[in-house]
Amino acid sequence: MTRRTHLWAVALAGLAVLACGSPAGPADSPWLDREDDLGNARGALAGTVYLVGLPCRLISPARPPCDGLYPDYEVVVYESDGVTEAARTRSDERGRYFVALDPGDYVIFTPNGLGERFRQPNEATVVAGAVTRLDLVVDTGIR
């Protein structure tokens, strides 16, 4: 399997999880140390941000990393209306993010092609006392 094929497989797996927006169980949660932040009435969104579409040979210090994990990506969470900002955070050095939220429906928009008008809505439901896993794929549209 080539590296590019492997990255696409990772991205597609991320999309499968993304489509589910399902709560993460204790065995697969890298955010166990953050679950104390939740309290009884809060839940959280957490996941990994992946970048697809930028060949490594085009990388400069001013650009994000090449295909794969996307560290330091700004994750903006909106209420279900897609307009009202609910929270904002950045992914860590391994592309992971975590944000505590009140229970409810939320959406995170990620680029899906060239230009600002092409953005993918990533929807999830946050449940009190649980971490809902929502992996994000940032697709530049560059191939």
Protein backbone atom coordinates (compact mmCIF):
# COMPACT_ATOMS: atom_id res chain seq x y z
CA MET A 1 0.00 0.00 0.00
CA THR A 2 1.49 3.36 -0.96
CA ARG A 3 1.72 6.18 1.56
CA ARG A 4 -0.93 8.18 -0.30
CA THR A 5 -3.30 5.17 -0.38
CA HIS A 6 -2.70 4.63 3.32
CA LEU A 7 -3.53 8.29 4.06
CA TRP A 8 -6.73 8.05 2.05
CA ALA A 9 -7.66 4.92 4.03
CA VAL A 10 -7.06 6.86 7.27
CA ALA A 11 -9.10 9.77 5.96
CA LEU A 12 -11.98 7.48 4.94
CA ALA A 13 -11.89 5.80 8.35
CA GLY A 14 -12.05 9.26 9.88
CA LEU A 15 -15.06 10.08 7.71
CA ALA A 16 -16.78 6.89 8.87
CA VAL A 17 -16.34 7.93 12.49
CA LEU A 18 -17.30 11.48 11.56
CA ALA A 19 -20.57 10.28 10.06
CA CYS A 20 -21.43 8.48 13.26
CA GLY A 21 -20.50 11.21 15.71
CA SER A 22 -20.63 8.49 18.34
CA PRO A 23 -19.56 8.66 21.99
CA ALA A 24 -16.05 7.29 22.54
CA GLY A 25 -15.73 4.38 24.93
CA PRO A 26 -13.14 4.19 27.72
CA ALA A 27 -10.86 1.84 25.78
CA ASP A 28 -10.50 4.13 22.76
CA SER A 29 -10.47 7.53 24.41
CA PRO A 30 -7.13 9.36 24.39
CA TRP A 31 -8.87 12.12 26.37
CA LEU A 32 -9.41 10.16 29.59
CA ASP A 33 -7.30 12.69 31.49
CA ARG A 34 -9.64 15.47 30.30
CA GLU A 35 -12.93 13.80 31.25
CA ASP A 36 -12.66 15.35 34.73
CA ASP A 37 -13.23 18.70 32.98
CA LEU A 38 -16.77 17.67 32.10
CA GLY A 39 -18.63 17.87 35.39
CA ASN A 40 -22.06 16.26 35.72
CA ALA A 41 -24.00 18.49 33.34
CA ARG A 42 -21.45 18.82 30.51
CA GLY A 43 -20.21 16.65 27.70
CA ALA A 44 -17.44 17.09 25.16
CA LEU A 45 -16.43 16.84 21.54
CA ALA A 46 -13.03 15.34 20.87
CA GLY A 47 -11.25 13.90 17.88
CA THR A 48 -8.30 14.05 15.55
CA VAL A 49 -7.84 16.50 12.67
CA TYR A 50 -6.45 15.10 9.40
CA LEU A 51 -5.17 17.06 6.42
CA VAL A 52 -5.68 15.65 2.90
CA GLY A 53 -4.43 17.06 -0.35
CA LEU A 54 -1.17 18.91 0.17
CA PRO A 55 1.87 17.09 -1.24
CA CYS A 56 4.95 17.26 1.01
CA ARG A 57 7.11 18.76 -1.75
CA LEU A 58 4.97 21.94 -1.65
CA ILE A 59 5.38 22.50 2.08
CA SER A 60 6.84 25.73 3.37
CA PRO A 61 7.07 26.91 7.01
CA ALA A 62 4.02 29.14 6.47
CA ARG A 63 1.79 26.20 5.46
CA PRO A 64 0.18 23.35 7.41
CA PRO A 65 1.83 19.90 7.45
CA CYS A 66 1.62 17.49 4.52
CA ASP A 67 -1.07 14.80 4.32
CA GLY A 68 -1.80 13.24 7.71
CA LEU A 69 -2.30 14.59 11.22
CA TYR A 70 -2.92 18.33 11.42
CA PRO A 71 -1.38 19.96 14.52
CA ASP A 72 -2.34 23.49 15.63
CA TYR A 73 -5.56 23.54 13.58
CA GLU A 74 -8.16 26.00 14.87
CA VAL A 75 -11.38 24.09 15.62
CA VAL A 76 -14.44 26.34 15.82
CA VAL A 77 -17.61 24.70 17.17
CA TYR A 78 -20.98 26.22 16.26
CA GLU A 79 -24.46 25.67 17.64
CA SER A 80 -26.68 23.59 15.32
CA ASP A 81 -27.71 26.78 13.48
CA GLY A 82 -24.20 26.93 12.01
CA VAL A 83 -23.89 30.62 12.92
CA THR A 84 -23.60 30.96 16.70
CA GLU A 85 -20.10 30.14 17.93
CA ALA A 86 -20.16 27.80 20.94
CA ALA A 87 -16.44 27.19 21.51
CA ARG A 88 -12.99 27.46 19.96
CA THR A 89 -9.82 25.42 20.51
CA ARG A 90 -6.67 24.26 18.68
CA SER A 91 -5.49 20.74 17.93
CA ASP A 92 -2.38 19.59 19.79
CA GLU A 93 0.92 18.37 18.29
CA ARG A 94 -0.74 15.04 17.40
CA GLY A 95 -3.74 16.66 15.72
CA ARG A 96 -6.07 15.94 18.66
CA TYR A 97 -8.62 18.41 20.04
CA PHE A 98 -10.95 18.41 23.05
CA VAL A 99 -13.67 20.89 23.96
CA ALA A 100 -16.18 20.68 26.84
CA LEU A 101 -19.72 21.72 25.87
CA ASP A 102 -23.26 21.71 27.18
CA PRO A 103 -25.39 18.82 25.86
CA GLY A 104 -26.86 19.54 22.45
CA ASP A 105 -26.31 19.47 18.70
CA TYR A 106 -23.23 21.13 17.20
CA VAL A 107 -21.47 21.57 13.86
CA ILE A 108 -17.83 22.14 12.89
CA PHE A 109 -17.09 23.30 9.35
CA THR A 110 -13.91 22.12 7.61
CA PRO A 111 -12.54 23.08 4.18
CA ASN A 112 -13.58 20.69 1.42
CA GLY A 113 -11.92 21.99 -1.73
CA LEU A 114 -10.50 25.23 -3.00
CA GLY A 115 -12.14 28.42 -1.83
CA GLU A 116 -14.06 29.52 1.25
CA ARG A 117 -17.45 28.50 -0.17
CA PHE A 118 -16.51 24.80 -0.16
CA ARG A 119 -16.86 23.69 3.42
CA GLN A 120 -17.98 20.41 4.93
CA PRO A 121 -20.40 20.47 7.89
CA ASN A 122 -19.40 17.93 10.55
CA GLU A 123 -22.35 17.40 12.89
CA ALA A 124 -22.42 15.76 16.30
CA THR A 125 -24.60 15.45 19.37
CA VAL A 126 -23.00 16.03 22.77
CA VAL A 127 -24.41 14.02 25.68
CA ALA A 128 -23.96 14.97 29.35
CA GLY A 129 -21.07 13.15 31.02
CA ALA A 130 -19.73 11.65 27.76
CA VAL A 131 -17.09 12.43 25.16
CA THR A 132 -18.46 12.37 21.61
CA ARG A 133 -15.76 11.52 19.09
CA LEU A 134 -15.75 13.59 15.93
CA ASP A 135 -12.68 13.27 13.70
CA LEU A 136 -12.24 16.06 11.16
CA VAL A 137 -10.84 15.94 7.62
CA VAL A 138 -9.47 19.18 6.17
CA ASP A 139 -9.34 18.71 2.40
CA THR A 140 -7.45 21.41 0.49
CA GLY A 141 -8.66 20.14 -2.88
CA ILE A 142 -5.03 20.08 -4.08
CA ARG A 143 -3.93 16.80 -5.65
